[in-house]
């Protein structure tokens, strides 16, 4: 098989994130935290809009950054093949 050169592991997967009983949050606390975070984000959005930023303009810039990153990745791949 193509993966025969890899060592087999015969143990169960253990997540690197171990949650203790004291770290668990009740659903009500989680909802309250999410509502607080939503209010904070709404405030930040209102502040950005007050400074003259528009959502469609930001989305356009994000799309352009994605395109730039794709082109950069292709260029790095080509340089890697040349080198």
Protein backbone atom coordinates (compact mmCIF):
# COMPACT_ATOMS: atom_id res chain seq x y z
CA UNK A 1 0.00 0.00 0.00
CA UNK A 2 1.16 3.59 -0.50
CA UNK A 3 1.21 4.19 3.26
CA UNK A 4 3.09 1.03 4.24
CA UNK A 5 6.25 3.01 4.93
CA UNK A 6 4.49 4.85 7.78
CA UNK A 7 4.57 3.49 11.31
CA UNK A 8 1.22 2.27 12.54
CA UNK A 9 -0.11 3.66 15.79
CA UNK A 10 -2.26 1.35 17.88
CA UNK A 11 -3.61 3.84 20.40
CA UNK A 12 -6.78 5.87 20.49
CA UNK A 13 -6.69 9.49 19.40
CA UNK A 14 -6.43 11.94 22.28
CA UNK A 15 -7.31 15.54 21.66
CA UNK A 16 -4.64 18.06 22.65
CA UNK A 17 -7.45 20.14 24.18
CA UNK A 18 -8.36 18.56 27.47
CA UNK A 19 -11.46 20.07 29.08
CA UNK A 20 -11.70 19.64 32.81
CA UNK A 21 -15.01 19.51 34.63
CA UNK A 22 -14.37 22.94 36.20
CA UNK A 23 -13.77 24.48 32.75
CA UNK A 24 -17.16 23.44 31.37
CA UNK A 25 -19.66 26.26 30.96
CA UNK A 26 -23.39 25.99 31.37
CA UNK A 27 -25.56 26.61 28.30
CA UNK A 28 -26.98 29.78 29.89
CA UNK A 29 -23.48 31.15 30.51
CA UNK A 30 -22.47 30.28 26.96
CA UNK A 31 -25.53 32.07 25.55
CA UNK A 32 -24.78 35.12 27.69
CA UNK A 33 -21.17 35.17 26.48
CA UNK A 34 -22.27 34.86 22.84
CA UNK A 35 -24.77 37.70 23.27
CA UNK A 36 -22.05 39.87 24.84
CA UNK A 37 -19.72 39.05 21.94
CA UNK A 38 -22.47 39.88 19.42
CA UNK A 39 -23.05 43.26 21.04
CA UNK A 40 -19.31 43.95 20.98
CA UNK A 41 -19.11 43.08 17.27
CA UNK A 42 -22.18 45.20 16.49
CA UNK A 43 -20.48 48.13 18.25
CA UNK A 44 -17.30 47.61 16.23
CA UNK A 45 -19.31 47.44 12.99
CA UNK A 46 -21.15 50.66 13.85
CA UNK A 47 -17.83 52.35 14.64
CA UNK A 48 -16.32 51.27 11.31
CA UNK A 49 -19.40 52.44 9.42
CA UNK A 50 -19.19 55.80 11.25
CA UNK A 51 -15.59 56.10 10.08
CA UNK A 52 -16.78 55.73 6.48
CA UNK A 53 -16.15 52.04 5.81
CA UNK A 54 -18.76 50.14 3.83
CA UNK A 55 -19.45 46.41 4.06
CA UNK A 56 -19.41 45.90 0.28
CA UNK A 57 -16.07 47.75 0.04
CA UNK A 58 -14.55 45.55 2.73
CA UNK A 59 -15.88 42.41 1.02
CA UNK A 60 -14.30 43.59 -2.25
CA UNK A 61 -10.93 44.05 -0.51
CA UNK A 62 -11.19 40.59 1.07
CA UNK A 63 -11.92 39.05 -2.34
CA UNK A 64 -8.93 40.87 -3.81
CA UNK A 65 -6.70 39.56 -0.99
CA UNK A 66 -7.87 36.00 -1.68
CA UNK A 67 -7.04 36.41 -5.37
CA UNK A 68 -3.63 37.88 -4.51
CA UNK A 69 -2.86 34.95 -2.20
CA UNK A 70 -3.86 32.44 -4.87
CA UNK A 71 -1.58 34.12 -7.43
CA UNK A 72 1.26 34.30 -4.87
CA UNK A 73 0.87 30.59 -4.06
CA UNK A 74 1.07 29.70 -7.77
CA UNK A 75 4.16 31.88 -8.18
CA UNK A 76 5.87 30.24 -5.20
CA UNK A 77 5.00 26.82 -6.57
CA UNK A 78 6.53 27.68 -9.94
CA UNK A 79 9.66 29.07 -8.31
CA UNK A 80 9.92 25.89 -6.25
CA UNK A 81 9.78 23.78 -9.40
CA UNK A 82 12.45 25.91 -11.08
CA UNK A 83 14.73 25.78 -8.02
